[in-house]
N, C-alpha and C. Protein backbone atom coordinates (compact mmCIF):
# COMPACT_ATOMS: atom_id res chain seq x y z
N UNK A 1 131.89 96.00 97.34
CA UNK A 1 130.77 95.90 98.23
C UNK A 1 130.43 97.13 98.53
N UNK A 2 129.12 97.48 98.79
CA UNK A 2 128.54 98.65 99.34
C UNK A 2 128.28 98.37 100.79
N UNK A 3 129.08 99.36 101.70
CA UNK A 3 128.84 99.21 102.95
C UNK A 3 127.54 99.16 103.58
N UNK A 4 127.42 98.10 104.63
CA UNK A 4 125.48 98.30 104.93
C UNK A 4 125.93 98.21 106.65
N UNK A 5 125.46 99.07 107.20
CA UNK A 5 125.27 98.90 108.89
C UNK A 5 124.46 98.08 109.07
N UNK A 6 124.79 97.65 110.38
CA UNK A 6 124.27 96.46 111.13
C UNK A 6 122.47 96.74 111.46
N UNK A 7 122.46 98.06 111.49
CA UNK A 7 120.53 98.66 111.83
C UNK A 7 120.42 98.35 110.04
N UNK A 8 121.17 98.77 109.20
CA UNK A 8 120.55 98.78 107.53
C UNK A 8 120.22 97.31 107.35
N UNK A 9 121.38 96.64 107.86
CA UNK A 9 121.17 94.68 107.59
C UNK A 9 120.06 94.29 108.02
N UNK A 10 119.95 94.69 109.54
CA UNK A 10 118.20 94.31 110.17
C UNK A 10 116.91 94.63 109.36
N UNK A 11 117.16 96.00 108.82
CA UNK A 11 116.07 96.15 108.16
C UNK A 11 115.94 95.40 107.03
N UNK A 12 117.02 95.24 106.17
CA UNK A 12 117.25 94.65 104.89
C UNK A 12 116.29 93.32 104.74
N UNK A 13 117.00 92.54 105.92
CA UNK A 13 116.85 91.22 106.17
C UNK A 13 115.30 91.53 105.99
N UNK A 14 114.92 91.95 107.07
CA UNK A 14 113.28 91.97 107.43
C UNK A 14 112.26 92.32 106.27
N UNK A 15 112.97 93.38 105.19
CA UNK A 15 111.94 93.67 103.89
C UNK A 15 112.29 92.74 103.01
N UNK A 16 113.39 92.24 102.68
CA UNK A 16 113.59 91.29 101.60
C UNK A 16 113.91 89.71 102.21
N UNK A 17 113.84 89.52 103.22
CA UNK A 17 113.88 87.86 103.30
C UNK A 17 114.72 87.41 102.39
N UNK A 18 114.69 86.19 101.97
CA UNK A 18 115.12 85.21 101.01
C UNK A 18 115.91 85.94 100.06
N UNK A 19 115.34 87.19 99.36
CA UNK A 19 115.69 87.66 98.39
C UNK A 19 116.58 88.87 98.72
N UNK A 20 117.40 88.70 99.34
CA UNK A 20 118.32 89.88 100.20
C UNK A 20 119.59 89.73 99.41
N UNK A 21 119.93 88.69 99.10
CA UNK A 21 121.26 88.69 97.94
C UNK A 21 120.97 89.30 96.56
N UNK A 22 119.71 89.40 96.08
CA UNK A 22 118.97 89.88 94.70
C UNK A 22 118.92 91.79 95.36
N UNK A 23 118.57 91.99 96.25
CA UNK A 23 118.60 93.50 96.83
C UNK A 23 120.07 94.21 97.11
N UNK A 24 120.88 92.90 97.37
CA UNK A 24 122.52 93.19 97.52
C UNK A 24 122.89 93.64 95.74
N UNK A 25 123.09 92.51 95.07
CA UNK A 25 123.18 92.80 93.80
C UNK A 25 122.68 94.11 92.91
N UNK A 26 121.45 94.81 93.58
CA UNK A 26 120.78 95.65 92.75
C UNK A 26 121.56 97.08 93.53
N UNK A 27 122.03 96.77 94.53
CA UNK A 27 122.58 98.13 95.16
C UNK A 27 124.07 98.22 94.52
N UNK A 28 124.75 97.12 93.99
CA UNK A 28 125.78 97.21 93.60
C UNK A 28 125.43 97.71 92.03
N UNK A 29 124.60 97.27 91.25
CA UNK A 29 124.39 97.82 90.22
C UNK A 29 124.21 99.33 90.20
N UNK A 30 123.33 99.97 91.43
CA UNK A 30 123.29 101.56 91.42
C UNK A 30 124.83 101.91 91.90
N UNK A 31 125.79 101.14 92.61
CA UNK A 31 127.00 101.85 93.15
C UNK A 31 128.06 102.14 91.96
N UNK A 32 128.01 101.49 90.77
CA UNK A 32 128.59 100.98 89.81
C UNK A 32 127.99 101.75 88.38
N UNK A 33 127.65 100.88 87.51
CA UNK A 33 126.78 101.46 86.11
C UNK A 33 125.88 102.41 86.48
N UNK A 34 124.96 102.33 87.44
CA UNK A 34 124.12 103.52 87.97
C UNK A 34 124.71 104.94 88.15
N UNK A 35 126.10 104.76 88.68
CA UNK A 35 126.35 106.04 89.15
C UNK A 35 127.19 106.32 87.68
N UNK A 36 128.20 105.35 87.30
CA UNK A 36 128.85 105.63 85.87
C UNK A 36 127.95 106.45 84.84
N UNK A 37 126.35 105.90 84.46
CA UNK A 37 125.78 106.42 83.35
C UNK A 37 124.61 107.45 84.13
N UNK A 38 125.00 107.97 85.44
CA UNK A 38 124.19 109.22 85.71
C UNK A 38 122.99 109.01 86.36
N UNK A 39 123.05 107.80 86.92
CA UNK A 39 121.36 107.55 87.31
C UNK A 39 121.70 107.99 88.77
N UNK A 40 122.30 107.79 89.50
CA UNK A 40 123.02 108.10 90.57
C UNK A 40 124.10 108.83 91.12
N UNK A 41 124.04 109.97 91.94
CA UNK A 41 125.36 110.67 92.11
C UNK A 41 126.50 110.04 92.93
N UNK A 42 127.52 110.02 92.55
CA UNK A 42 128.77 109.33 93.04
C UNK A 42 128.70 109.75 94.74
N UNK A 43 128.33 110.94 95.13
CA UNK A 43 128.23 110.94 96.65
C UNK A 43 127.08 110.28 97.65
N UNK A 44 126.11 109.45 96.67
CA UNK A 44 124.98 108.95 97.11
C UNK A 44 125.24 107.67 97.79
N UNK A 45 126.83 107.20 97.21
CA UNK A 45 127.16 105.58 97.05
C UNK A 45 127.07 105.27 98.64
N UNK A 46 127.51 105.94 99.87
CA UNK A 46 127.64 105.84 101.18
C UNK A 46 126.28 105.57 101.64
N UNK A 47 125.21 106.29 100.94
CA UNK A 47 123.81 106.45 101.59
C UNK A 47 122.82 105.53 100.34
N UNK A 48 123.19 104.75 99.83
CA UNK A 48 122.40 103.81 98.93
C UNK A 48 121.22 103.07 99.78
N UNK A 49 121.93 102.24 100.50
CA UNK A 49 121.02 101.34 101.63
C UNK A 49 120.11 102.05 101.99
N UNK A 50 120.28 103.14 103.27
CA UNK A 50 119.45 103.97 103.74
C UNK A 50 118.54 105.11 103.31
N UNK A 51 119.07 105.98 102.20
CA UNK A 51 118.51 107.07 102.09
C UNK A 51 117.79 106.54 100.57
N UNK A 52 118.10 105.37 99.71
CA UNK A 52 117.36 105.50 98.66
C UNK A 52 116.81 103.74 98.47
N UNK A 53 117.71 102.45 98.65
CA UNK A 53 116.72 101.53 98.65
C UNK A 53 115.95 101.04 99.87
N UNK A 54 116.21 100.96 101.33
CA UNK A 54 115.30 100.84 102.22
C UNK A 54 114.33 101.76 102.47
N UNK A 55 114.47 102.87 102.02
CA UNK A 55 113.66 104.31 102.08
C UNK A 55 112.45 103.99 101.31
N UNK A 56 112.61 103.18 99.71
CA UNK A 56 111.96 103.03 99.30
C UNK A 56 111.40 101.66 99.19
N UNK A 57 112.10 100.50 99.72
CA UNK A 57 111.11 98.95 100.00
C UNK A 57 110.39 99.39 100.97
N UNK A 58 110.60 99.81 102.34
CA UNK A 58 109.50 99.83 102.94
C UNK A 58 108.54 100.09 102.65
N UNK A 59 108.25 100.86 101.58
CA UNK A 59 106.70 101.20 101.48
C UNK A 59 105.63 100.05 100.94
N UNK A 60 106.53 98.78 100.57
CA UNK A 60 105.82 97.46 100.17
C UNK A 60 104.55 97.13 101.33
N UNK A 61 104.95 97.50 102.50
CA UNK A 61 103.92 97.44 103.28
C UNK A 61 102.45 97.67 103.02
N UNK A 62 102.49 98.99 102.36
CA UNK A 62 101.50 99.52 101.79
C UNK A 62 100.76 99.03 100.52
N UNK A 63 101.10 97.88 100.21
CA UNK A 63 100.84 97.18 99.07
C UNK A 63 100.44 96.13 99.18
N UNK A 64 98.64 96.01 98.83
CA UNK A 64 98.01 94.62 99.11
C UNK A 64 98.80 93.58 98.27
N UNK A 65 98.59 92.54 98.49
CA UNK A 65 99.19 91.36 97.95
C UNK A 65 98.38 91.28 96.60
N UNK A 66 99.10 90.73 95.42
CA UNK A 66 99.06 90.46 94.14
C UNK A 66 98.73 91.48 93.38
N UNK A 67 99.25 92.48 93.81
CA UNK A 67 98.54 93.96 92.83
C UNK A 67 99.63 94.13 91.48
N UNK A 68 98.96 94.78 90.59
CA UNK A 68 99.89 95.24 89.37
C UNK A 68 100.04 96.90 89.84
N UNK A 69 101.53 96.96 90.02
CA UNK A 69 101.78 98.58 90.37
C UNK A 69 102.57 99.14 89.33
N UNK A 70 102.27 100.19 88.89
CA UNK A 70 102.99 101.00 87.91
C UNK A 70 103.72 102.14 88.66
N UNK A 71 105.09 102.31 88.19
CA UNK A 71 105.98 102.93 89.08
C UNK A 71 106.47 104.23 87.96
N UNK A 72 105.84 105.34 88.17
CA UNK A 72 106.18 106.42 86.97
C UNK A 72 107.57 107.54 87.54
N UNK A 73 108.11 107.68 86.29
CA UNK A 73 109.37 108.26 86.80
C UNK A 73 110.26 107.14 87.23
N UNK A 74 110.43 105.85 86.69
CA UNK A 74 111.36 105.22 87.74
C UNK A 74 112.58 105.41 88.27
N UNK A 75 113.20 106.08 86.95
CA UNK A 75 114.38 106.48 86.87
C UNK A 75 115.78 105.25 87.12
N UNK A 76 116.26 104.99 88.41
CA UNK A 76 116.92 103.75 88.88
C UNK A 76 116.19 102.90 89.59
N UNK A 77 115.26 102.92 89.35
CA UNK A 77 114.35 101.89 89.84
C UNK A 77 113.77 101.95 91.11
N UNK A 78 113.97 103.59 91.74
CA UNK A 78 113.20 103.81 93.05
C UNK A 78 112.08 104.62 92.77
N UNK A 79 110.98 103.46 93.56
CA UNK A 79 110.96 102.52 94.09
C UNK A 79 110.75 101.09 93.55
N UNK A 80 109.98 101.16 91.89
CA UNK A 80 110.03 100.27 91.41
C UNK A 80 110.68 98.87 91.22
N UNK A 81 112.13 98.80 91.44
CA UNK A 81 112.95 97.83 91.42
C UNK A 81 113.04 97.27 92.89
N UNK A 82 113.11 98.21 93.90
CA UNK A 82 113.16 97.49 95.05
C UNK A 82 111.47 97.01 95.49
N UNK A 83 110.65 97.22 95.00
CA UNK A 83 109.30 96.61 95.43
C UNK A 83 108.98 95.34 94.45
N UNK A 84 109.63 94.81 93.31
CA UNK A 84 109.91 93.87 92.75
C UNK A 84 110.81 92.84 93.36
N UNK A 85 111.78 93.38 93.83
CA UNK A 85 112.53 92.62 94.65
C UNK A 85 112.04 92.21 95.98
N UNK A 86 111.44 92.87 96.66
CA UNK A 86 110.89 92.71 98.22
C UNK A 86 109.96 91.89 97.97
N UNK A 87 108.71 92.12 96.73
CA UNK A 87 107.38 91.53 96.71
C UNK A 87 107.45 90.56 95.30
N UNK A 88 107.81 89.27 94.89
CA UNK A 88 107.80 88.75 94.17
C UNK A 88 106.05 88.04 93.79
N UNK A 89 105.13 88.40 94.68
CA UNK A 89 104.04 88.82 94.35
C UNK A 89 103.16 89.44 93.55
N UNK A 90 103.77 91.01 93.27
CA UNK A 90 103.98 92.06 92.47
C UNK A 90 104.05 91.98 91.26
N UNK A 91 103.08 92.53 90.32
CA UNK A 91 103.21 92.65 88.92
C UNK A 91 103.90 94.31 88.95
N UNK A 92 105.17 94.48 88.41
CA UNK A 92 105.51 95.94 88.36
C UNK A 92 106.02 96.20 86.95
N UNK A 93 105.05 97.23 86.50
CA UNK A 93 105.45 98.30 85.32
C UNK A 93 106.13 99.37 85.79
N UNK A 94 107.44 99.60 84.92
CA UNK A 94 108.30 100.76 85.34
C UNK A 94 108.50 101.63 84.23
N UNK A 95 107.58 102.67 84.20
CA UNK A 95 107.52 104.07 83.29
C UNK A 95 108.48 104.90 83.44
N UNK A 96 109.43 105.17 82.35
CA UNK A 96 110.37 105.76 82.18
C UNK A 96 110.69 106.42 80.54
N UNK A 97 110.60 107.89 80.64
CA UNK A 97 110.79 108.10 79.29
C UNK A 97 112.23 108.50 78.74
N UNK A 98 113.43 108.29 79.71
CA UNK A 98 114.53 108.66 78.88
C UNK A 98 115.37 107.39 78.74
N UNK A 99 115.65 107.39 77.28
CA UNK A 99 116.56 106.11 76.67
C UNK A 99 117.31 105.33 77.65
N UNK A 100 118.15 106.02 78.26
CA UNK A 100 119.50 105.43 78.92
C UNK A 100 119.19 104.98 79.95
N UNK A 101 118.02 105.75 80.71
CA UNK A 101 117.52 104.66 82.29
C UNK A 101 116.80 103.41 81.67
N UNK A 102 116.06 103.61 80.58
CA UNK A 102 114.96 102.39 80.01
C UNK A 102 116.26 101.19 79.82
N UNK A 103 117.30 101.90 78.83
CA UNK A 103 118.29 100.42 78.92
C UNK A 103 118.72 99.90 79.98
N UNK A 104 119.15 100.68 80.96
CA UNK A 104 119.85 100.48 82.10
C UNK A 104 119.23 99.75 82.92
N UNK A 105 117.81 100.05 83.70
CA UNK A 105 116.59 99.33 84.18
C UNK A 105 116.24 97.97 83.23
N UNK A 106 116.29 97.95 81.98
CA UNK A 106 116.17 96.70 81.53
C UNK A 106 117.55 95.54 81.78
N UNK A 107 118.72 96.09 81.79
CA UNK A 107 119.93 95.44 82.00
C UNK A 107 119.95 94.62 83.43
N UNK A 108 119.48 95.56 84.44
CA UNK A 108 119.27 94.94 86.15
C UNK A 108 118.32 94.21 85.91
N UNK A 109 117.05 94.45 85.40
CA UNK A 109 115.78 93.33 85.46
C UNK A 109 116.37 91.92 84.90
N UNK A 110 117.17 92.04 83.77
CA UNK A 110 117.79 91.10 83.28
C UNK A 110 118.76 90.22 83.70
N UNK A 111 119.82 90.68 84.67
CA UNK A 111 120.70 90.55 85.73
C UNK A 111 120.35 89.61 86.78
N UNK A 112 118.92 90.37 86.98
CA UNK A 112 118.56 89.96 88.52
C UNK A 112 117.52 88.83 88.46
N UNK A 113 116.97 88.59 86.95
CA UNK A 113 116.11 87.79 86.89
C UNK A 113 114.80 87.90 87.26
N UNK A 114 114.65 89.32 87.01
CA UNK A 114 113.00 89.91 87.88
C UNK A 114 111.96 89.48 87.10
N UNK A 115 111.25 88.42 86.70
CA UNK A 115 110.28 88.06 85.69
C UNK A 115 109.03 88.87 86.06
N UNK A 116 108.83 89.42 87.22
CA UNK A 116 107.77 89.95 87.76
C UNK A 116 107.58 91.77 87.11
N UNK A 117 108.94 92.04 85.97
CA UNK A 117 109.05 93.46 85.97
C UNK A 117 108.78 93.76 84.11
N UNK A 118 108.01 94.81 83.81
CA UNK A 118 108.07 95.12 82.39
C UNK A 118 108.53 96.71 82.46
N UNK A 119 109.43 96.75 81.67
CA UNK A 119 109.92 98.32 81.80
C UNK A 119 109.35 98.91 80.54
N UNK A 120 109.10 100.00 80.34
CA UNK A 120 107.84 100.97 79.32
C UNK A 120 108.74 102.11 79.07
N UNK A 121 109.36 102.39 78.20
CA UNK A 121 109.52 103.84 77.61
C UNK A 121 109.08 104.48 76.99
N UNK A 122 108.43 105.27 77.99
CA UNK A 122 107.02 106.25 77.65
C UNK A 122 107.32 107.10 78.86
N UNK A 123 105.98 108.52 78.48
CA UNK A 123 105.78 109.20 79.56
C UNK A 123 104.63 108.96 80.04
N UNK A 124 104.35 109.24 81.34
CA UNK A 124 103.12 108.65 82.01
C UNK A 124 101.61 108.80 81.88
N UNK A 125 102.02 110.14 81.01
CA UNK A 125 100.38 110.35 80.07
C UNK A 125 100.10 109.90 79.36
N UNK A 126 101.47 109.31 78.29
CA UNK A 126 101.17 108.34 77.16
C UNK A 126 100.42 107.16 77.56
N UNK A 127 101.21 106.60 78.71
CA UNK A 127 100.49 105.26 79.19
C UNK A 127 99.44 104.80 79.80
N UNK A 128 98.60 105.95 79.83
CA UNK A 128 97.23 105.80 79.92
C UNK A 128 96.29 104.87 79.06
N UNK A 129 95.58 104.22 79.63
CA UNK A 129 94.94 103.02 78.46
C UNK A 129 95.83 101.91 78.05
N UNK A 130 97.20 102.05 78.39
CA UNK A 130 98.06 100.90 77.81
C UNK A 130 98.38 100.26 79.24
N UNK A 131 98.50 101.15 79.92
CA UNK A 131 98.31 100.45 81.77
C UNK A 131 97.30 100.60 82.28
N UNK A 132 96.81 99.51 82.73
CA UNK A 132 95.85 99.81 84.10
C UNK A 132 96.25 99.21 85.46
N UNK A 133 96.79 100.06 86.56
CA UNK A 133 97.49 99.60 87.44
C UNK A 133 96.40 99.51 88.68
N UNK A 134 96.86 98.73 89.66
CA UNK A 134 95.91 98.93 91.23
C UNK A 134 96.53 100.18 91.96
N UNK A 135 97.61 100.00 91.72
CA UNK A 135 98.46 101.10 92.54
C UNK A 135 99.64 101.70 91.95
N UNK A 136 99.76 102.94 91.87
CA UNK A 136 101.03 103.87 91.45
C UNK A 136 101.60 104.27 92.26
N UNK A 137 102.99 104.18 92.26
CA UNK A 137 104.00 104.75 92.78
C UNK A 137 104.79 105.72 92.07
N UNK A 138 105.55 106.67 93.17
CA UNK A 138 106.55 107.73 92.64
C UNK A 138 107.32 108.05 93.35
N UNK A 139 108.32 108.51 93.24
CA UNK A 139 109.56 109.23 94.37
C UNK A 139 110.34 110.38 93.37
N UNK A 140 110.23 111.19 93.85
CA UNK A 140 110.93 112.29 93.60
C UNK A 140 110.66 112.61 91.76
N UNK A 141 109.57 112.38 91.96
CA UNK A 141 109.13 113.07 90.12
C UNK A 141 108.77 114.43 90.20
N UNK A 142 107.55 114.78 91.11
CA UNK A 142 106.95 116.08 90.63
C UNK A 142 106.22 116.94 91.94
N UNK A 143 105.82 117.94 92.31
CA UNK A 143 105.15 118.23 93.30
C UNK A 143 103.84 117.34 93.04
N UNK A 144 102.75 117.64 94.24
CA UNK A 144 101.60 116.63 94.08
C UNK A 144 100.69 117.53 93.30
N UNK A 145 100.57 118.73 93.08
CA UNK A 145 99.70 119.12 92.25
C UNK A 145 99.76 118.77 90.64
N UNK A 146 100.97 118.64 90.08
CA UNK A 146 101.20 117.75 88.86
C UNK A 146 101.21 116.49 89.00
N UNK A 147 101.89 115.75 89.95
CA UNK A 147 101.97 114.61 90.39
C UNK A 147 100.31 113.82 89.81
N UNK A 148 99.72 114.42 90.68
CA UNK A 148 98.30 113.82 90.56
C UNK A 148 97.88 113.57 89.44
N UNK A 149 97.78 114.52 88.39
CA UNK A 149 97.48 114.34 87.06
C UNK A 149 98.56 113.40 85.94
N UNK A 150 99.29 112.93 86.67
CA UNK A 150 100.63 111.56 86.01
C UNK A 150 100.12 110.68 86.54
N UNK A 151 99.61 110.42 87.75
CA UNK A 151 99.47 108.91 88.38
C UNK A 151 97.86 108.18 88.46
N UNK A 152 97.08 109.52 88.95
CA UNK A 152 95.79 108.73 88.89
C UNK A 152 94.82 108.20 88.12
N UNK A 153 95.20 108.34 86.61
CA UNK A 153 94.63 108.38 84.97
C UNK A 153 95.09 107.25 85.02
N UNK A 154 96.55 106.40 85.65
CA UNK A 154 96.63 105.38 85.85
C UNK A 154 96.54 104.03 86.37
N UNK A 155 95.11 104.44 87.18
CA UNK A 155 94.58 103.65 87.75
C UNK A 155 93.21 103.50 87.00
N UNK A 156 92.77 103.90 86.15
CA UNK A 156 91.25 103.59 85.41
C UNK A 156 90.40 103.81 86.42
N UNK A 157 90.28 104.67 87.17
CA UNK A 157 89.11 104.69 88.18
C UNK A 157 89.18 104.16 89.51
N UNK A 158 90.08 103.32 89.55
CA UNK A 158 89.80 102.78 91.08
C UNK A 158 91.31 102.58 91.36
N UNK A 159 91.65 102.44 92.81
CA UNK A 159 93.24 102.19 92.94
C UNK A 159 93.50 102.91 94.08
N UNK A 160 95.27 103.15 94.13
CA UNK A 160 95.60 103.80 95.10
C UNK A 160 96.95 104.59 94.61
N UNK A 161 97.10 105.81 94.83
CA UNK A 161 98.56 106.04 94.80
C UNK A 161 99.15 106.09 95.93
N UNK A 162 100.30 105.72 95.87
CA UNK A 162 101.48 105.68 96.92
C UNK A 162 102.49 106.43 96.73
N UNK A 163 102.84 107.57 96.85
CA UNK A 163 104.04 108.43 96.57
C UNK A 163 104.81 108.99 97.61
N UNK A 164 105.80 108.67 97.50
CA UNK A 164 107.22 109.02 98.63
C UNK A 164 107.58 110.18 98.44
N UNK A 165 107.04 111.06 99.64
CA UNK A 165 107.46 112.62 99.69
C UNK A 165 108.15 112.80 101.19
N UNK A 166 108.53 114.08 100.94
CA UNK A 166 109.53 114.76 101.89
C UNK A 166 108.70 115.45 102.95
N UNK A 167 109.00 116.10 103.91
CA UNK A 167 108.25 116.80 105.15
C UNK A 167 107.68 117.75 104.78
N UNK A 168 107.10 118.16 103.32
CA UNK A 168 106.09 119.13 103.08
C UNK A 168 105.14 118.84 102.38
N UNK A 169 104.97 117.07 102.24
CA UNK A 169 104.00 116.40 102.17
C UNK A 169 102.24 117.30 102.47
N UNK A 170 102.06 117.73 103.61
CA UNK A 170 100.92 118.27 104.32
C UNK A 170 100.39 119.11 103.43
N UNK A 171 101.53 120.11 103.11
CA UNK A 171 101.26 121.53 102.25
C UNK A 171 101.14 121.08 101.20
N UNK A 172 101.67 119.84 100.33
CA UNK A 172 101.34 119.34 98.89
C UNK A 172 100.09 119.21 98.80
N UNK A 173 99.62 118.08 99.76
CA UNK A 173 98.17 117.65 99.49
C UNK A 173 97.26 119.02 99.87
N UNK A 174 97.35 119.97 100.44
CA UNK A 174 96.68 121.08 100.69
C UNK A 174 96.42 121.60 99.10
N UNK A 175 97.39 122.09 98.59
CA UNK A 175 97.70 122.93 97.46
C UNK A 175 97.27 121.86 96.13
N UNK A 176 97.16 120.50 96.53
CA UNK A 176 96.60 119.70 95.16
C UNK A 176 95.25 119.25 95.56
N UNK A 177 94.54 119.61 96.45
CA UNK A 177 93.35 118.83 97.20
C UNK A 177 92.19 118.96 95.85
N UNK A 178 92.31 120.41 95.32
CA UNK A 178 91.29 120.08 94.30
C UNK A 178 91.46 119.29 93.01
N UNK A 179 92.61 119.37 92.91
CA UNK A 179 92.88 118.49 91.44
C UNK A 179 92.93 117.04 91.62
N UNK A 180 93.06 116.61 92.94
CA UNK A 180 92.91 115.29 93.45
C UNK A 180 91.58 114.91 93.44
N UNK A 181 90.66 115.81 94.03
CA UNK A 181 88.97 115.61 93.95
C UNK A 181 88.44 115.17 92.59
N UNK A 182 89.06 116.12 91.61
CA UNK A 182 88.42 116.16 90.42
C UNK A 182 88.94 114.97 89.32
N UNK A 183 89.70 114.37 89.87
CA UNK A 183 90.81 113.06 88.99
C UNK A 183 90.30 111.70 89.80
N UNK A 184 89.14 112.13 90.79
CA UNK A 184 88.68 110.64 91.47
C UNK A 184 89.33 110.70 92.72
N UNK A 185 90.06 111.15 93.64
CA UNK A 185 90.54 111.05 94.69
C UNK A 185 89.45 111.11 95.77
N UNK A 186 89.28 109.88 96.38
CA UNK A 186 88.06 110.41 97.77
C UNK A 186 88.70 110.37 99.01
N UNK A 187 90.05 110.42 98.86
CA UNK A 187 91.00 110.17 100.26
C UNK A 187 92.07 110.27 100.34
N UNK A 188 93.06 111.35 100.63
CA UNK A 188 94.30 111.66 100.74
C UNK A 188 94.74 111.72 102.41
N UNK A 189 96.16 110.94 102.43
CA UNK A 189 96.46 110.82 103.77
C UNK A 189 97.89 111.17 103.75
N UNK A 190 98.53 111.18 104.83
CA UNK A 190 100.09 111.29 105.03
C UNK A 190 100.32 109.84 105.86
N UNK A 191 101.17 109.24 105.56
CA UNK A 191 101.54 108.02 106.34
C UNK A 191 102.90 107.62 106.48
N UNK A 192 103.36 107.67 108.02
CA UNK A 192 104.76 107.54 107.94
C UNK A 192 105.44 105.88 108.07
N UNK A 193 105.94 105.48 107.01
CA UNK A 193 106.06 103.73 107.35
C UNK A 193 107.93 103.67 107.36
N UNK A 194 108.20 103.14 108.19
CA UNK A 194 109.04 102.19 108.86
C UNK A 194 109.71 102.61 109.99
N UNK A 195 108.87 103.00 110.75
CA UNK A 195 109.43 103.67 112.11
C UNK A 195 110.08 102.66 112.69
N UNK A 196 109.59 101.32 113.25
CA UNK A 196 110.28 100.40 113.68
C UNK A 196 111.40 99.78 112.78
N UNK A 197 111.74 100.26 111.66
CA UNK A 197 113.14 99.69 110.76
C UNK A 197 114.21 100.84 110.67
N UNK A 198 113.61 101.44 110.32
CA UNK A 198 114.67 102.75 109.33
C UNK A 198 114.89 104.01 110.98
N UNK A 199 116.00 104.41 110.95
CA UNK A 199 116.43 105.41 111.60
C UNK A 199 115.53 107.09 111.07
N UNK A 200 115.55 106.92 110.16
CA UNK A 200 114.34 108.13 109.21
C UNK A 200 113.37 107.25 108.59
N UNK A 201 112.03 107.52 109.03
CA UNK A 201 110.69 106.60 108.64
C UNK A 201 110.59 107.60 106.99
N UNK A 202 109.98 106.83 106.30
CA UNK A 202 109.66 107.13 104.69
C UNK A 202 108.12 107.80 105.15
N UNK A 203 108.04 108.91 104.78
CA UNK A 203 106.72 109.64 104.38
C UNK A 203 106.27 109.25 102.95
N UNK A 204 104.71 108.98 103.15
CA UNK A 204 104.29 108.52 102.22
C UNK A 204 102.62 109.35 102.07
N UNK A 205 102.55 109.81 100.78
CA UNK A 205 101.16 110.38 100.62
C UNK A 205 100.16 109.25 99.79
N UNK A 206 99.35 108.97 100.37
CA UNK A 206 98.48 107.70 99.86
C UNK A 206 97.09 108.43 99.48
N UNK A 207 96.91 108.03 98.16
CA UNK A 207 95.58 109.06 97.63
C UNK A 207 94.60 107.59 97.34
N UNK A 208 93.77 107.29 97.74
CA UNK A 208 92.44 106.33 97.16
C UNK A 208 91.52 107.11 96.48
N UNK A 209 91.58 106.28 94.92
CA UNK A 209 90.78 106.56 93.98
C UNK A 209 89.41 105.88 93.89
N UNK A 210 88.28 106.32 93.35
CA UNK A 210 87.24 105.67 93.53
C UNK A 210 86.34 106.74 92.40
N UNK A 211 86.24 106.82 91.20
CA UNK A 211 85.54 107.60 90.54
C UNK A 211 83.90 107.32 90.76
N UNK A 212 83.67 105.92 91.29
CA UNK A 212 82.24 105.99 91.36
C UNK A 212 81.82 106.51 92.51
N UNK A 213 82.46 107.05 93.36
CA UNK A 213 82.16 107.56 94.88
C UNK A 213 82.47 109.26 94.57
N UNK A 214 82.78 109.53 93.64
CA UNK A 214 82.65 111.27 93.72
C UNK A 214 81.68 112.01 93.90
């Protein structure tokens, strides 16, 4: 079992509710087969809850009920699988180009019985037209200047991008502003999520997209 502190457990109970056992099983997958297959570095095991799972899952508060969410560059399921566990009302499409990661993601989805998840082996730009999401998420994929072009087209003209970012979020927005506007972004903000739950809150860049308002 991966250790979880009292603070982390309190946050996990709040976010995952009666699906906390599923979240714990997911963390065990990350710590075992996820590490063995190179999806997570071995040094990350003690920080799986705080730095990875809770850091991602807390963004569920930014996503309205019943939405279709596409997770770009899903990797180890961060944040896609965290959201699927925390929010069974959401429909998740995990977009990941690397075969070994896709195989692992599907194994975890099957083991946890997550019937609200589809795993797609493809690149984000190739998924345009195949996936029409209401919300697109991403974490540690690319700088916003590039990420905007990978995420916004999946919204088919209207919706939101919710990208987990670091302290340089504001600078990234400045550099990407022209690209975001060109793609239909009408409002871009930095949001801090989980201040009351996490020792280190999550920084999110939210891009509201509505091409009809351009």
